[in-house]
Amino acid sequence: MRLRFLGTESKNGNCPTVYATDRDTYVVQGWTVTDPDALADLRDVLPGETFVEIPKALVKHLPRED
């Protein structure tokens, strides 16, 4: 898989960041969700899946599919 940088809301080059892949998907760099209550709200979690938190402002870097 190859990644293409789309954008970040970070001022110092740290996360969160969003990337497009060559597989027609996105990779999101963010803060690991560790809050037990939040994790309990997740559904259908498969082995190998993880969850990251990003600010809403980061979504503006995702391309629109009209």
PDB file of N, CA and C in Angstrom:
ATOM      1  N   MET A   1       0.853  -1.168   0.000  1.00  0.00           N
ATOM      2  CA  MET A   1       0.000   0.000   0.000  1.00  0.00           C
ATOM      3  C   MET A   1       0.899   1.232   0.000  1.00  0.00           C
ATOM      4  N   ARG A   2       0.509   2.224  -0.800  1.00  0.00           N
ATOM      5  CA  ARG A   2       1.214   3.502  -0.837  1.00  0.00           C
ATOM      6  C   ARG A   2       0.286   4.580  -0.277  1.00  0.00           C
ATOM      7  N   LEU A   3       0.866   5.548   0.457  1.00  0.00           N
ATOM      8  CA  LEU A   3       0.090   6.629   1.067  1.00  0.00           C
ATOM      9  C   LEU A   3       0.422   7.954   0.405  1.00  0.00           C
ATOM     10  N   ARG A   4      -0.613   8.793   0.270  1.00  0.00           N
ATOM     11  CA  ARG A   4      -0.443  10.158  -0.234  1.00  0.00           C
ATOM     12  C   ARG A   4      -1.000  11.109   0.817  1.00  0.00           C
ATOM     13  N   PHE A   5      -0.169  12.012   1.304  1.00  0.00           N
ATOM     14  CA  PHE A   5      -0.564  12.987   2.319  1.00  0.00           C
ATOM     15  C   PHE A   5      -1.697  13.855   1.787  1.00  0.00           C
ATOM     16  N   LEU A   6      -2.769  13.999   2.575  1.00  0.00           N
ATOM     17  CA  LEU A   6      -3.875  14.876   2.206  1.00  0.00           C
ATOM     18  C   LEU A   6      -3.910  16.140   3.056  1.00  0.00           C
ATOM     19  N   GLY A   7      -3.624  16.017   4.342  1.00  0.00           N
ATOM     20  CA  GLY A   7      -3.662  17.207   5.181  1.00  0.00           C
ATOM     21  C   GLY A   7      -3.548  16.889   6.653  1.00  0.00           C
ATOM     22  N   THR A   8      -3.329  17.960   7.411  1.00  0.00           N
ATOM     23  CA  THR A   8      -3.218  17.854   8.856  1.00  0.00           C
ATOM     24  C   THR A   8      -3.770  19.123   9.483  1.00  0.00           C
ATOM     25  N   GLU A   9      -4.121  19.039  10.723  1.00  0.00           N
ATOM     26  CA  GLU A   9      -4.528  20.212  11.488  1.00  0.00           C
ATOM     27  C   GLU A   9      -3.466  20.558  12.519  1.00  0.00           C
ATOM     28  N   SER A  10      -2.333  19.871  12.459  1.00  0.00           N
ATOM     29  CA  SER A  10      -1.255  20.058  13.409  1.00  0.00           C
ATOM     30  C   SER A  10      -0.405  21.255  13.021  1.00  0.00           C
ATOM     31  N   LYS A  11       0.015  21.984  13.990  1.00  0.00           N
ATOM     32  CA  LYS A  11       0.875  23.144  13.757  1.00  0.00           C
ATOM     33  C   LYS A  11       2.353  22.759  13.692  1.00  0.00           C
ATOM     34  N   ASN A  12       2.730  21.639  14.314  1.00  0.00           N
ATOM     35  CA  ASN A  12       4.140  21.273  14.427  1.00  0.00           C
ATOM     36  C   ASN A  12       4.490  19.981  13.700  1.00  0.00           C
ATOM     37  N   GLY A  13       3.656  19.551  12.768  1.00  0.00           N
ATOM     38  CA  GLY A  13       3.953  18.323  12.048  1.00  0.00           C
ATOM     39  C   GLY A  13       3.626  17.052  12.804  1.00  0.00           C
ATOM     40  N   ASN A  14       2.942  17.162  13.921  1.00  0.00           N
ATOM     41  CA  ASN A  14       2.513  15.987  14.678  1.00  0.00           C
ATOM     42  C   ASN A  14       1.147  15.550  14.178  1.00  0.00           C
ATOM     43  N   CYS A  15       0.610  14.485  14.742  1.00  0.00           N
ATOM     44  CA  CYS A  15      -0.708  14.034  14.346  1.00  0.00           C
ATOM     45  C   CYS A  15      -1.758  14.998  14.878  1.00  0.00           C
ATOM     46  N   PRO A  16      -2.959  14.957  14.409  1.00  0.00           N
ATOM     47  CA  PRO A  16      -3.557  14.018  13.483  1.00  0.00           C
ATOM     48  C   PRO A  16      -3.326  14.410  12.016  1.00  0.00           C
ATOM     49  N   THR A  17      -3.346  13.393  11.166  1.00  0.00           N
ATOM     50  CA  THR A  17      -3.098  13.562   9.742  1.00  0.00           C
ATOM     51  C   THR A  17      -3.967  12.568   8.991  1.00  0.00           C
ATOM     52  N   VAL A  18      -4.320  12.907   7.749  1.00  0.00           N
ATOM     53  CA  VAL A  18      -5.101  11.992   6.920  1.00  0.00           C
ATOM     54  C   VAL A  18      -4.346  11.764   5.608  1.00  0.00           C
ATOM     55  N   TYR A  19      -4.407  10.503   5.141  1.00  0.00           N
ATOM     56  CA  TYR A  19      -3.731  10.082   3.915  1.00  0.00           C
ATOM     57  C   TYR A  19      -4.723   9.344   3.018  1.00  0.00           C
ATOM     58  N   ALA A  20      -4.507   9.403   1.713  1.00  0.00           N
ATOM     59  CA  ALA A  20      -5.228   8.565   0.757  1.00  0.00           C
ATOM     60  C   ALA A  20      -4.302   7.405   0.395  1.00  0.00           C
ATOM     61  N   THR A  21      -4.899   6.254   0.117  1.00  0.00           N
ATOM     62  CA  THR A  21      -4.095   5.101  -0.286  1.00  0.00           C
ATOM     63  C   THR A  21      -4.308   4.804  -1.768  1.00  0.00           C
ATOM     64  N   ASP A  22      -3.474   3.947  -2.292  1.00  0.00           N
ATOM     65  CA  ASP A  22      -3.647   3.503  -3.672  1.00  0.00           C
ATOM     66  C   ASP A  22      -4.668   2.365  -3.760  1.00  0.00           C
ATOM     67  N   ARG A  23      -5.370   2.104  -2.658  1.00  0.00           N
ATOM     68  CA  ARG A  23      -6.406   1.066  -2.620  1.00  0.00           C
ATOM     69  C   ARG A  23      -7.797   1.679  -2.489  1.00  0.00           C
ATOM     70  N   ASP A  24      -7.907   2.990  -2.782  1.00  0.00           N
ATOM     71  CA  ASP A  24      -9.179   3.708  -2.705  1.00  0.00           C
ATOM     72  C   ASP A  24      -9.730   3.718  -1.284  1.00  0.00           C
ATOM     73  N   THR A  25      -8.821   3.887  -0.308  1.00  0.00           N
ATOM     74  CA  THR A  25      -9.189   3.990   1.103  1.00  0.00           C
ATOM     75  C   THR A  25      -8.413   5.152   1.714  1.00  0.00           C
ATOM     76  N   TYR A  26      -8.645   5.401   2.990  1.00  0.00           N
ATOM     77  CA  TYR A  26      -7.933   6.450   3.717  1.00  0.00           C
ATOM     78  C   TYR A  26      -7.265   5.860   4.956  1.00  0.00           C
ATOM     79  N   VAL A  27      -6.149   6.429   5.331  1.00  0.00           N
ATOM     80  CA  VAL A  27      -5.474   6.092   6.573  1.00  0.00           C
ATOM     81  C   VAL A  27      -5.482   7.352   7.428  1.00  0.00           C
ATOM     82  N   VAL A  28      -5.908   7.213   8.682  1.00  0.00           N
ATOM     83  CA  VAL A  28      -6.004   8.343   9.594  1.00  0.00           C
ATOM     84  C   VAL A  28      -5.004   8.150  10.725  1.00  0.00           C
ATOM     85  N   GLN A  29      -4.199   9.145  10.946  1.00  0.00           N
ATOM     86  CA  GLN A  29      -3.269   9.165  12.080  1.00  0.00           C
ATOM     87  C   GLN A  29      -3.905  10.029  13.148  1.00  0.00           C
ATOM     88  N   GLY A  30      -4.070   9.493  14.348  1.00  0.00           N
ATOM     89  CA  GLY A  30      -4.714  10.243  15.418  1.00  0.00           C
ATOM     90  C   GLY A  30      -4.327   9.698  16.775  1.00  0.00           C
ATOM     91  N   TRP A  31      -5.138  10.025  17.758  1.00  0.00           N
ATOM     92  CA  TRP A  31      -4.889   9.596  19.127  1.00  0.00           C
ATOM     93  C   TRP A  31      -5.596   8.270  19.370  1.00  0.00           C
ATOM     94  N   THR A  32      -4.919   7.303  19.931  1.00  0.00           N
ATOM     95  CA  THR A  32      -5.512   6.001  20.222  1.00  0.00           C
ATOM     96  C   THR A  32      -6.662   6.163  21.212  1.00  0.00           C
ATOM     97  N   VAL A  33      -7.791   5.550  20.887  1.00  0.00           N
ATOM     98  CA  VAL A  33      -8.944   5.573  21.787  1.00  0.00           C
ATOM     99  C   VAL A  33      -8.715   4.511  22.861  1.00  0.00           C
ATOM    100  N   THR A  34      -8.640   4.954  24.107  1.00  0.00           N
ATOM    101  CA  THR A  34      -8.414   4.029  25.224  1.00  0.00           C
ATOM    102  C   THR A  34      -9.500   4.119  26.287  1.00  0.00           C
ATOM    103  N   ASP A  35     -10.393   5.098  26.172  1.00  0.00           N
ATOM    104  CA  ASP A  35     -11.446   5.283  27.160  1.00  0.00           C
ATOM    105  C   ASP A  35     -12.355   4.055  27.181  1.00  0.00           C
ATOM    106  N   PRO A  36     -12.482   3.373  28.318  1.00  0.00           N
ATOM    107  CA  PRO A  36     -13.290   2.155  28.390  1.00  0.00           C
ATOM    108  C   PRO A  36     -14.743   2.362  27.981  1.00  0.00           C
ATOM    109  N   ASP A  37     -15.345   3.494  28.335  1.00  0.00           N
ATOM    110  CA  ASP A  37     -16.740   3.746  27.963  1.00  0.00           C
ATOM    111  C   ASP A  37     -16.877   3.902  26.452  1.00  0.00           C
ATOM    112  N   ALA A  38     -15.939   4.609  25.829  1.00  0.00           N
ATOM    113  CA  ALA A  38     -15.978   4.772  24.370  1.00  0.00           C
ATOM    114  C   ALA A  38     -15.783   3.420  23.681  1.00  0.00           C
ATOM    115  N   LEU A  39     -14.838   2.638  24.153  1.00  0.00           N
ATOM    116  CA  LEU A  39     -14.588   1.322  23.556  1.00  0.00           C
ATOM    117  C   LEU A  39     -15.795   0.407  23.709  1.00  0.00           C
ATOM    118  N   ALA A  40     -16.523   0.543  24.806  1.00  0.00           N
ATOM    119  CA  ALA A  40     -17.721  -0.277  25.022  1.00  0.00           C
ATOM    120  C   ALA A  40     -18.832   0.077  24.040  1.00  0.00           C
ATOM    121  N   ASP A  41     -18.813   1.297  23.504  1.00  0.00           N
ATOM    122  CA  ASP A  41     -19.830   1.723  22.538  1.00  0.00           C
ATOM    123  C   ASP A  41     -19.569   1.204  21.124  1.00  0.00           C
ATOM    124  N   LEU A  42     -18.373   0.684  20.846  1.00  0.00           N
ATOM    125  CA  LEU A  42     -18.036   0.196  19.516  1.00  0.00           C
ATOM    126  C   LEU A  42     -18.746  -1.124  19.248  1.00  0.00           C
ATOM    127  N   ARG A  43     -19.059  -1.357  17.954  1.00  0.00           N
ATOM    128  CA  ARG A  43     -19.759  -2.588  17.576  1.00  0.00           C
ATOM    129  C   ARG A  43     -18.964  -3.337  16.526  1.00  0.00           C
ATOM    130  N   ASP A  44     -19.112  -4.628  16.512  1.00  0.00           N
ATOM    131  CA  ASP A  44     -18.562  -5.499  15.468  1.00  0.00           C
ATOM    132  C   ASP A  44     -17.072  -5.275  15.236  1.00  0.00           C
ATOM    133  N   VAL A  45     -16.308  -5.226  16.310  1.00  0.00           N
ATOM    134  CA  VAL A  45     -14.868  -5.022  16.212  1.00  0.00           C
ATOM    135  C   VAL A  45     -14.204  -6.344  15.842  1.00  0.00           C
ATOM    136  N   LEU A  46     -13.459  -6.323  14.753  1.00  0.00           N
ATOM    137  CA  LEU A  46     -12.775  -7.514  14.273  1.00  0.00           C
ATOM    138  C   LEU A  46     -11.333  -7.540  14.756  1.00  0.00           C
ATOM    139  N   PRO A  47     -10.741  -8.715  14.839  1.00  0.00           N
ATOM    140  CA  PRO A  47      -9.320  -8.791  15.202  1.00  0.00           C
ATOM    141  C   PRO A  47      -8.487  -7.954  14.226  1.00  0.00           C
ATOM    142  N   GLY A  48      -7.532  -7.236  14.749  1.00  0.00           N
ATOM    143  CA  GLY A  48      -6.676  -6.404  13.904  1.00  0.00           C
ATOM    144  C   GLY A  48      -7.184  -4.997  13.690  1.00  0.00           C
ATOM    145  N   GLU A  49      -8.416  -4.696  14.109  1.00  0.00           N
ATOM    146  CA  GLU A  49      -8.950  -3.342  13.962  1.00  0.00           C
ATOM    147  C   GLU A  49      -8.556  -2.495  15.172  1.00  0.00           C
ATOM    148  N   THR A  50      -8.358  -1.216  14.914  1.00  0.00           N
ATOM    149  CA  THR A  50      -8.067  -0.273  15.985  1.00  0.00           C
ATOM    150  C   THR A  50      -8.840   1.010  15.704  1.00  0.00           C
ATOM    151  N   PHE A  51      -8.824   1.919  16.655  1.00  0.00           N
ATOM    152  CA  PHE A  51      -9.620   3.130  16.537  1.00  0.00           C
ATOM    153  C   PHE A  51      -8.791   4.323  16.951  1.00  0.00           C
ATOM    154  N   VAL A  52      -8.896   5.395  16.169  1.00  0.00           N
ATOM    155  CA  VAL A  52      -8.194   6.627  16.498  1.00  0.00           C
ATOM    156  C   VAL A  52      -9.179   7.776  16.506  1.00  0.00           C
ATOM    157  N   GLU A  53      -8.886   8.773  17.301  1.00  0.00           N
ATOM    158  CA  GLU A  53      -9.723   9.965  17.405  1.00  0.00           C
ATOM    159  C   GLU A  53      -9.048  11.099  16.643  1.00  0.00           C
ATOM    160  N   ILE A  54      -9.852  11.846  15.868  1.00  0.00           N
ATOM    161  CA  ILE A  54      -9.343  12.987  15.110  1.00  0.00           C
ATOM    162  C   ILE A  54     -10.267  14.182  15.315  1.00  0.00           C
ATOM    163  N   PRO A  55      -9.764  15.404  15.110  1.00  0.00           N
ATOM    164  CA  PRO A  55     -10.652  16.555  15.203  1.00  0.00           C
ATOM    165  C   PRO A  55     -11.549  16.644  13.961  1.00  0.00           C
ATOM    166  N   LYS A  56     -12.740  17.188  14.115  1.00  0.00           N
ATOM    167  CA  LYS A  56     -13.658  17.354  12.990  1.00  0.00           C
ATOM    168  C   LYS A  56     -13.027  18.154  11.861  1.00  0.00           C
ATOM    169  N   ALA A  57     -12.182  19.116  12.199  1.00  0.00           N
ATOM    170  CA  ALA A  57     -11.564  19.970  11.182  1.00  0.00           C
ATOM    171  C   ALA A  57     -10.719  19.172  10.194  1.00  0.00           C
ATOM    172  N   LEU A  58     -10.225  18.001  10.577  1.00  0.00           N
ATOM    173  CA  LEU A  58      -9.387  17.200   9.694  1.00  0.00           C
ATOM    174  C   LEU A  58     -10.175  16.664   8.508  1.00  0.00           C
ATOM    175  N   VAL A  59     -11.470  16.473   8.654  1.00  0.00           N
ATOM    176  CA  VAL A  59     -12.305  15.903   7.607  1.00  0.00           C
ATOM    177  C   VAL A  59     -12.307  16.783   6.358  1.00  0.00           C
ATOM    178  N   LYS A  60     -12.051  18.064   6.488  1.00  0.00           N
ATOM    179  CA  LYS A  60     -12.052  18.950   5.307  1.00  0.00           C
ATOM    180  C   LYS A  60     -10.977  18.563   4.295  1.00  0.00           C
ATOM    181  N   HIS A  61      -9.999  17.787   4.689  1.00  0.00           N
ATOM    182  CA  HIS A  61      -8.924  17.368   3.793  1.00  0.00           C
ATOM    183  C   HIS A  61      -9.323  16.149   2.954  1.00  0.00           C
ATOM    184  N   LEU A  62     -10.436  15.510   3.282  1.00  0.00           N
ATOM    185  CA  LEU A  62     -10.896  14.375   2.493  1.00  0.00           C
ATOM    186  C   LEU A  62     -11.570  14.867   1.221  1.00  0.00           C
ATOM    187  N   PRO A  63     -11.293  14.242   0.071  1.00  0.00           N
ATOM    188  CA  PRO A  63     -11.915  14.671  -1.173  1.00  0.00           C
ATOM    189  C   PRO A  63     -13.420  14.407  -1.148  1.00  0.00           C
ATOM    190  N   ARG A  64     -14.162  15.291  -1.758  1.00  0.00           N
ATOM    191  CA  ARG A  64     -15.613  15.122  -1.866  1.00  0.00           C
ATOM    192  C   ARG A  64     -15.918  14.206  -3.044  1.00  0.00           C
ATOM    193  N   GLU A  65     -16.867  13.316  -2.831  1.00  0.00           N
ATOM    194  CA  GLU A  65     -17.308  12.424  -3.911  1.00  0.00           C
ATOM    195  C   GLU A  65     -18.740  12.806  -4.249  1.00  0.00           C
ATOM    196  N   ASP A  66     -18.898  13.667  -5.239  1.00  0.00           N
ATOM    197  CA  ASP A  66     -20.236  14.168  -5.611  1.00  0.00           C
ATOM    198  C   ASP A  66     -20.888  13.326  -6.660  1.00  0.00           C
TER     199      ASP A  66
END
